Amino acid sequence: MELRDYNWWKYFKENNKDSLKSLDFKKICHLHSKYNKHSYFEPCTCNPATIKQWIKDLDNLFLSV
Protein backbone atom coordinates (compact mmCIF):
# COMPACT_ATOMS: atom_id res chain seq x y z
CA MET A 1 0.00 0.00 0.00
CA GLU A 2 1.36 3.40 -0.91
CA LEU A 3 2.21 5.66 2.02
CA ARG A 4 -0.38 8.29 1.07
CA ASP A 5 -3.11 5.63 0.93
CA TYR A 6 -1.87 4.05 4.14
CA ASN A 7 -2.05 7.38 5.96
CA TRP A 8 -5.53 8.09 4.62
CA TRP A 9 -6.75 4.63 5.67
CA LYS A 10 -5.25 5.01 9.12
CA TYR A 11 -6.98 8.38 9.58
CA PHE A 12 -10.24 7.00 8.18
CA LYS A 13 -10.26 4.03 10.57
CA GLU A 14 -9.42 6.20 13.60
CA ASN A 15 -12.19 8.69 12.81
CA ASN A 16 -14.83 6.48 11.23
CA LYS A 17 -18.40 6.85 12.42
CA ASP A 18 -21.38 4.63 11.70
CA SER A 19 -22.00 6.20 8.31
CA LEU A 20 -19.79 7.10 5.37
CA LYS A 21 -19.42 10.53 3.88
CA SER A 22 -19.69 10.67 0.11
CA LEU A 23 -15.99 11.47 -0.30
CA ASP A 24 -15.00 8.57 1.94
CA PHE A 25 -17.24 6.24 -0.03
CA LYS A 26 -15.60 7.31 -3.29
CA LYS A 27 -12.12 6.96 -1.81
CA ILE A 28 -12.88 3.43 -0.61
CA CYS A 29 -14.15 2.55 -4.09
CA HIS A 30 -10.99 4.01 -5.60
CA LEU A 31 -8.65 2.21 -3.20
CA HIS A 32 -10.43 -1.11 -3.62
CA SER A 33 -10.23 -0.88 -7.40
CA LYS A 34 -6.58 0.15 -7.23
CA TYR A 35 -5.38 -2.61 -4.91
CA ASN A 36 -7.68 -5.36 -6.16
CA LYS A 37 -7.01 -4.52 -9.79
CA HIS A 38 -10.53 -3.97 -11.05
CA SER A 39 -12.18 -1.05 -12.75
CA TYR A 40 -13.61 1.71 -10.59
CA PHE A 41 -17.10 0.84 -9.46
CA GLU A 42 -19.47 2.34 -6.90
CA PRO A 43 -21.74 -0.33 -5.42
CA CYS A 44 -25.32 0.59 -4.69
CA THR A 45 -25.71 2.26 -1.32
CA CYS A 46 -29.10 0.62 -0.84
CA ASN A 47 -27.32 -2.57 0.19
CA PRO A 48 -24.17 -1.86 2.23
CA ALA A 49 -22.87 -5.46 2.16
CA THR A 50 -20.48 -4.82 -0.73
CA ILE A 51 -18.90 -1.68 0.69
CA LYS A 52 -18.59 -3.36 4.10
CA GLN A 53 -16.73 -6.24 2.45
CA TRP A 54 -14.49 -3.80 0.60
CA ILE A 55 -13.65 -2.11 3.90
CA LYS A 56 -12.70 -5.52 5.33
CA ASP A 57 -10.57 -6.22 2.26
CA LEU A 58 -8.75 -2.91 2.71
CA ASP A 59 -8.35 -3.58 6.44
CA ASN A 60 -6.58 -6.83 5.60
CA LEU A 61 -4.30 -5.04 3.18
CA PHE A 62 -3.63 -2.30 5.76
CA LEU A 63 -2.73 -4.89 8.40
CA SER A 64 -0.36 -6.70 6.04
CA VAL A 65 1.79 -3.59 5.50
PDB file of N, CA and C in Angstrom:
ATOM      1  N   MET A   1       0.858  -1.173   0.000  1.00  0.00           N
ATOM      2  CA  MET A   1       0.000   0.000   0.000  1.00  0.00           C
ATOM      3  C   MET A   1       0.900   1.231   0.000  1.00  0.00           C
ATOM      4  N   GLU A   2       0.583   2.171  -0.851  1.00  0.00           N
ATOM      5  CA  GLU A   2       1.364   3.399  -0.913  1.00  0.00           C
ATOM      6  C   GLU A   2       1.190   4.190   0.385  1.00  0.00           C
ATOM      7  N   LEU A   3       2.211   4.925   0.752  1.00  0.00           N
ATOM      8  CA  LEU A   3       2.210   5.664   2.017  1.00  0.00           C
ATOM      9  C   LEU A   3       1.034   6.627   2.114  1.00  0.00           C
ATOM     10  N   ARG A   4       0.736   7.332   1.059  1.00  0.00           N
ATOM     11  CA  ARG A   4      -0.381   8.288   1.071  1.00  0.00           C
ATOM     12  C   ARG A   4      -1.699   7.562   1.355  1.00  0.00           C
ATOM     13  N   ASP A   5      -1.900   6.416   0.709  1.00  0.00           N
ATOM     14  CA  ASP A   5      -3.115   5.634   0.930  1.00  0.00           C
ATOM     15  C   ASP A   5      -3.133   5.047   2.336  1.00  0.00           C
ATOM     16  N   TYR A   6      -1.992   4.593   2.788  1.00  0.00           N
ATOM     17  CA  TYR A   6      -1.870   4.046   4.137  1.00  0.00           C
ATOM     18  C   TYR A   6      -2.262   5.102   5.175  1.00  0.00           C
ATOM     19  N   ASN A   7      -1.748   6.297   5.015  1.00  0.00           N
ATOM     20  CA  ASN A   7      -2.054   7.383   5.961  1.00  0.00           C
ATOM     21  C   ASN A   7      -3.532   7.758   5.919  1.00  0.00           C
ATOM     22  N   TRP A   8      -4.110   7.785   4.725  1.00  0.00           N
ATOM     23  CA  TRP A   8      -5.530   8.090   4.620  1.00  0.00           C
ATOM     24  C   TRP A   8      -6.344   7.004   5.319  1.00  0.00           C
ATOM     25  N   TRP A   9      -5.993   5.743   5.071  1.00  0.00           N
ATOM     26  CA  TRP A   9      -6.745   4.634   5.666  1.00  0.00           C
ATOM     27  C   TRP A   9      -6.637   4.657   7.189  1.00  0.00           C
ATOM     28  N   LYS A  10      -5.448   4.935   7.675  1.00  0.00           N
ATOM     29  CA  LYS A  10      -5.254   5.009   9.122  1.00  0.00           C
ATOM     30  C   LYS A  10      -6.134   6.107   9.720  1.00  0.00           C
ATOM     31  N   TYR A  11      -6.142   7.273   9.117  1.00  0.00           N
ATOM     32  CA  TYR A  11      -6.978   8.379   9.582  1.00  0.00           C
ATOM     33  C   TYR A  11      -8.457   8.003   9.498  1.00  0.00           C
ATOM     34  N   PHE A  12      -8.853   7.414   8.376  1.00  0.00           N
ATOM     35  CA  PHE A  12     -10.243   7.004   8.184  1.00  0.00           C
ATOM     36  C   PHE A  12     -10.684   6.038   9.277  1.00  0.00           C
ATOM     37  N   LYS A  13      -9.881   5.039   9.573  1.00  0.00           N
ATOM     38  CA  LYS A  13     -10.256   4.034  10.575  1.00  0.00           C
ATOM     39  C   LYS A  13     -10.293   4.629  11.986  1.00  0.00           C
ATOM     40  N   GLU A  14      -9.438   5.567  12.274  1.00  0.00           N
ATOM     41  CA  GLU A  14      -9.419   6.198  13.595  1.00  0.00           C
ATOM     42  C   GLU A  14     -10.607   7.138  13.797  1.00  0.00           C
ATOM     43  N   ASN A  15     -11.134   7.678  12.715  1.00  0.00           N
ATOM     44  CA  ASN A  15     -12.190   8.691  12.813  1.00  0.00           C
ATOM     45  C   ASN A  15     -13.509   8.248  12.200  1.00  0.00           C
ATOM     46  N   ASN A  16     -13.630   6.983  11.890  1.00  0.00           N
ATOM     47  CA  ASN A  16     -14.830   6.477  11.231  1.00  0.00           C
ATOM     48  C   ASN A  16     -16.020   6.465  12.190  1.00  0.00           C
ATOM     49  N   LYS A  17     -17.139   6.894  11.680  1.00  0.00           N
ATOM     50  CA  LYS A  17     -18.401   6.849  12.425  1.00  0.00           C
ATOM     51  C   LYS A  17     -19.242   5.705  11.858  1.00  0.00           C
ATOM     52  N   ASP A  18     -20.499   5.687  12.182  1.00  0.00           N
ATOM     53  CA  ASP A  18     -21.383   4.629  11.703  1.00  0.00           C
ATOM     54  C   ASP A  18     -21.795   4.793  10.242  1.00  0.00           C
ATOM     55  N   SER A  19     -21.619   5.976   9.707  1.00  0.00           N
ATOM     56  CA  SER A  19     -21.998   6.201   8.315  1.00  0.00           C
ATOM     57  C   SER A  19     -20.823   6.785   7.541  1.00  0.00           C
ATOM     58  N   LEU A  20     -20.860   6.609   6.230  1.00  0.00           N
ATOM     59  CA  LEU A  20     -19.787   7.100   5.369  1.00  0.00           C
ATOM     60  C   LEU A  20     -20.177   8.420   4.725  1.00  0.00           C
ATOM     61  N   LYS A  21     -19.230   9.319   4.659  1.00  0.00           N
ATOM     62  CA  LYS A  21     -19.419  10.531   3.884  1.00  0.00           C
ATOM     63  C   LYS A  21     -19.229  10.156   2.415  1.00  0.00           C
ATOM     64  N   SER A  22     -19.781  10.946   1.550  1.00  0.00           N
ATOM     65  CA  SER A  22     -19.690  10.674   0.112  1.00  0.00           C
ATOM     66  C   SER A  22     -18.239  10.589  -0.363  1.00  0.00           C
ATOM     67  N   LEU A  23     -17.394  11.491   0.112  1.00  0.00           N
ATOM     68  CA  LEU A  23     -15.994  11.470  -0.301  1.00  0.00           C
ATOM     69  C   LEU A  23     -15.272  10.232   0.206  1.00  0.00           C
ATOM     70  N   ASP A  24     -15.595   9.795   1.407  1.00  0.00           N
ATOM     71  CA  ASP A  24     -14.997   8.567   1.944  1.00  0.00           C
ATOM     72  C   ASP A  24     -15.445   7.357   1.128  1.00  0.00           C
ATOM     73  N   PHE A  25     -16.707   7.322   0.781  1.00  0.00           N
ATOM     74  CA  PHE A  25     -17.244   6.237  -0.028  1.00  0.00           C
ATOM     75  C   PHE A  25     -16.490   6.149  -1.353  1.00  0.00           C
ATOM     76  N   LYS A  26     -16.312   7.282  -2.003  1.00  0.00           N
ATOM     77  CA  LYS A  26     -15.601   7.313  -3.289  1.00  0.00           C
ATOM     78  C   LYS A  26     -14.138   6.903  -3.128  1.00  0.00           C
ATOM     79  N   LYS A  27     -13.513   7.326  -2.053  1.00  0.00           N
ATOM     80  CA  LYS A  27     -12.120   6.965  -1.809  1.00  0.00           C
ATOM     81  C   LYS A  27     -11.988   5.459  -1.574  1.00  0.00           C
ATOM     82  N   ILE A  28     -12.906   4.881  -0.836  1.00  0.00           N
ATOM     83  CA  ILE A  28     -12.884   3.429  -0.608  1.00  0.00           C
ATOM     84  C   ILE A  28     -13.052   2.700  -1.937  1.00  0.00           C
ATOM     85  N   CYS A  29     -13.964   3.162  -2.765  1.00  0.00           N
ATOM     86  CA  CYS A  29     -14.148   2.546  -4.088  1.00  0.00           C
ATOM     87  C   CYS A  29     -12.868   2.649  -4.914  1.00  0.00           C
ATOM     88  N   HIS A  30     -12.246   3.812  -4.870  1.00  0.00           N
ATOM     89  CA  HIS A  30     -10.992   4.007  -5.601  1.00  0.00           C
ATOM     90  C   HIS A  30      -9.891   3.078  -5.081  1.00  0.00           C
ATOM     91  N   LEU A  31      -9.703   3.045  -3.774  1.00  0.00           N
ATOM     92  CA  LEU A  31      -8.645   2.210  -3.203  1.00  0.00           C
ATOM     93  C   LEU A  31      -8.897   0.730  -3.481  1.00  0.00           C
ATOM     94  N   HIS A  32     -10.137   0.310  -3.366  1.00  0.00           N
ATOM     95  CA  HIS A  32     -10.427  -1.107  -3.615  1.00  0.00           C
ATOM     96  C   HIS A  32     -10.124  -1.458  -5.069  1.00  0.00           C
ATOM     97  N   SER A  33     -10.505  -0.603  -5.990  1.00  0.00           N
ATOM     98  CA  SER A  33     -10.227  -0.882  -7.399  1.00  0.00           C
ATOM     99  C   SER A  33      -8.725  -0.871  -7.668  1.00  0.00           C
ATOM    100  N   LYS A  34      -8.024   0.030  -7.035  1.00  0.00           N
ATOM    101  CA  LYS A  34      -6.576   0.147  -7.230  1.00  0.00           C
ATOM    102  C   LYS A  34      -5.831  -1.092  -6.722  1.00  0.00           C
ATOM    103  N   TYR A  35      -6.137  -1.523  -5.520  1.00  0.00           N
ATOM    104  CA  TYR A  35      -5.376  -2.614  -4.906  1.00  0.00           C
ATOM    105  C   TYR A  35      -5.919  -4.008  -5.226  1.00  0.00           C
ATOM    106  N   ASN A  36      -7.129  -4.071  -5.756  1.00  0.00           N
ATOM    107  CA  ASN A  36      -7.676  -5.360  -6.159  1.00  0.00           C
ATOM    108  C   ASN A  36      -7.772  -5.487  -7.675  1.00  0.00           C
ATOM    109  N   LYS A  37      -7.176  -4.507  -8.340  1.00  0.00           N
ATOM    110  CA  LYS A  37      -7.006  -4.520  -9.790  1.00  0.00           C
ATOM    111  C   LYS A  37      -8.317  -4.776 -10.550  1.00  0.00           C
ATOM    112  N   HIS A  38      -9.290  -3.948 -10.268  1.00  0.00           N
ATOM    113  CA  HIS A  38     -10.528  -3.974 -11.047  1.00  0.00           C
ATOM    114  C   HIS A  38     -10.907  -2.545 -11.392  1.00  0.00           C
ATOM    115  N   SER A  39     -11.776  -2.396 -12.360  1.00  0.00           N
ATOM    116  CA  SER A  39     -12.182  -1.051 -12.753  1.00  0.00           C
ATOM    117  C   SER A  39     -12.967  -0.391 -11.624  1.00  0.00           C
ATOM    118  N   TYR A  40     -12.906   0.935 -11.621  1.00  0.00           N
ATOM    119  CA  TYR A  40     -13.608   1.707 -10.595  1.00  0.00           C
ATOM    120  C   TYR A  40     -15.095   1.422 -10.680  1.00  0.00           C
ATOM    121  N   PHE A  41     -15.691   1.166  -9.540  1.00  0.00           N
ATOM    122  CA  PHE A  41     -17.105   0.840  -9.461  1.00  0.00           C
ATOM    123  C   PHE A  41     -17.642   1.321  -8.126  1.00  0.00           C
ATOM    124  N   GLU A  42     -18.805   1.935  -8.142  1.00  0.00           N
ATOM    125  CA  GLU A  42     -19.473   2.341  -6.904  1.00  0.00           C
ATOM    126  C   GLU A  42     -20.677   1.433  -6.682  1.00  0.00           C
ATOM    127  N   PRO A  43     -20.597   0.555  -5.684  1.00  0.00           N
ATOM    128  CA  PRO A  43     -21.741  -0.325  -5.415  1.00  0.00           C
ATOM    129  C   PRO A  43     -22.940   0.481  -4.919  1.00  0.00           C
ATOM    130  N   CYS A  44     -24.096  -0.065  -5.121  1.00  0.00           N
ATOM    131  CA  CYS A  44     -25.323   0.594  -4.691  1.00  0.00           C
ATOM    132  C   CYS A  44     -25.305   0.789  -3.172  1.00  0.00           C
ATOM    133  N   THR A  45     -25.678   1.964  -2.753  1.00  0.00           N
ATOM    134  CA  THR A  45     -25.706   2.260  -1.318  1.00  0.00           C
ATOM    135  C   THR A  45     -26.967   1.720  -0.641  1.00  0.00           C
ATOM    136  N   CYS A  46     -27.878   1.185  -1.427  1.00  0.00           N
ATOM    137  CA  CYS A  46     -29.104   0.623  -0.836  1.00  0.00           C
ATOM    138  C   CYS A  46     -28.827  -0.697  -0.126  1.00  0.00           C
ATOM    139  N   ASN A  47     -27.717  -1.335  -0.455  1.00  0.00           N
ATOM    140  CA  ASN A  47     -27.321  -2.574   0.193  1.00  0.00           C
ATOM    141  C   ASN A  47     -25.840  -2.443   0.575  1.00  0.00           C
ATOM    142  N   PRO A  48     -25.544  -2.159   1.829  1.00  0.00           N
ATOM    143  CA  PRO A  48     -24.167  -1.863   2.232  1.00  0.00           C
ATOM    144  C   PRO A  48     -23.235  -3.075   2.334  1.00  0.00           C
ATOM    145  N   ALA A  49     -23.708  -4.259   2.010  1.00  0.00           N
ATOM    146  CA  ALA A  49     -22.874  -5.460   2.165  1.00  0.00           C
ATOM    147  C   ALA A  49     -21.591  -5.376   1.352  1.00  0.00           C
ATOM    148  N   THR A  50     -21.672  -4.881   0.133  1.00  0.00           N
ATOM    149  CA  THR A  50     -20.480  -4.817  -0.727  1.00  0.00           C
ATOM    150  C   THR A  50     -19.453  -3.853  -0.165  1.00  0.00           C
ATOM    151  N   ILE A  51     -19.868  -2.657   0.193  1.00  0.00           N
ATOM    152  CA  ILE A  51     -18.898  -1.678   0.695  1.00  0.00           C
ATOM    153  C   ILE A  51     -18.321  -2.140   2.030  1.00  0.00           C
ATOM    154  N   LYS A  52     -19.110  -2.814   2.840  1.00  0.00           N
ATOM    155  CA  LYS A  52     -18.587  -3.359   4.101  1.00  0.00           C
ATOM    156  C   LYS A  52     -17.524  -4.408   3.828  1.00  0.00           C
ATOM    157  N   GLN A  53     -17.723  -5.240   2.814  1.00  0.00           N
ATOM    158  CA  GLN A  53     -16.727  -6.241   2.449  1.00  0.00           C
ATOM    159  C   GLN A  53     -15.475  -5.566   1.913  1.00  0.00           C
ATOM    160  N   TRP A  54     -15.644  -4.524   1.134  1.00  0.00           N
ATOM    161  CA  TRP A  54     -14.494  -3.802   0.600  1.00  0.00           C
ATOM    162  C   TRP A  54     -13.682  -3.177   1.732  1.00  0.00           C
ATOM    163  N   ILE A  55     -14.352  -2.674   2.747  1.00  0.00           N
ATOM    164  CA  ILE A  55     -13.651  -2.114   3.903  1.00  0.00           C
ATOM    165  C   ILE A  55     -12.850  -3.218   4.600  1.00  0.00           C
ATOM    166  N   LYS A  56     -13.431  -4.396   4.738  1.00  0.00           N
ATOM    167  CA  LYS A  56     -12.702  -5.525   5.332  1.00  0.00           C
ATOM    168  C   LYS A  56     -11.501  -5.902   4.474  1.00  0.00           C
ATOM    169  N   ASP A  57     -11.679  -5.916   3.164  1.00  0.00           N
ATOM    170  CA  ASP A  57     -10.571  -6.219   2.257  1.00  0.00           C
ATOM    171  C   ASP A  57      -9.426  -5.214   2.442  1.00  0.00           C
ATOM    172  N   LEU A  58      -9.773  -3.945   2.531  1.00  0.00           N
ATOM    173  CA  LEU A  58      -8.754  -2.909   2.709  1.00  0.00           C
ATOM    174  C   LEU A  58      -8.132  -2.987   4.105  1.00  0.00           C
ATOM    175  N   ASP A  59      -8.912  -3.360   5.100  1.00  0.00           N
ATOM    176  CA  ASP A  59      -8.350  -3.577   6.439  1.00  0.00           C
ATOM    177  C   ASP A  59      -7.275  -4.661   6.401  1.00  0.00           C
ATOM    178  N   ASN A  60      -7.566  -5.748   5.713  1.00  0.00           N
ATOM    179  CA  ASN A  60      -6.583  -6.834   5.595  1.00  0.00           C
ATOM    180  C   ASN A  60      -5.315  -6.371   4.907  1.00  0.00           C
ATOM    181  N   LEU A  61      -5.465  -5.574   3.869  1.00  0.00           N
ATOM    182  CA  LEU A  61      -4.298  -5.036   3.178  1.00  0.00           C
ATOM    183  C   LEU A  61      -3.530  -4.100   4.099  1.00  0.00           C
ATOM    184  N   PHE A  62      -4.231  -3.247   4.822  1.00  0.00           N
ATOM    185  CA  PHE A  62      -3.627  -2.299   5.758  1.00  0.00           C
ATOM    186  C   PHE A  62      -2.827  -3.043   6.823  1.00  0.00           C
ATOM    187  N   LEU A  63      -3.392  -4.133   7.344  1.00  0.00           N
ATOM    188  CA  LEU A  63      -2.730  -4.895   8.398  1.00  0.00           C
ATOM    189  C   LEU A  63      -1.513  -5.658   7.893  1.00  0.00           C
ATOM    190  N   SER A  64      -1.479  -5.941   6.600  1.00  0.00           N
ATOM    191  CA  SER A  64      -0.357  -6.704   6.045  1.00  0.00           C
ATOM    192  C   SER A  64       0.847  -5.829   5.712  1.00  0.00           C
ATOM    193  N   VAL A  65       0.689  -4.518   5.827  1.00  0.00           N
ATOM    194  CA  VAL A  65       1.792  -3.595   5.501  1.00  0.00           C
ATOM    195  C   VAL A  65       2.741  -3.461   6.667  1.00  0.00           C
TER     196      VAL A  65
END
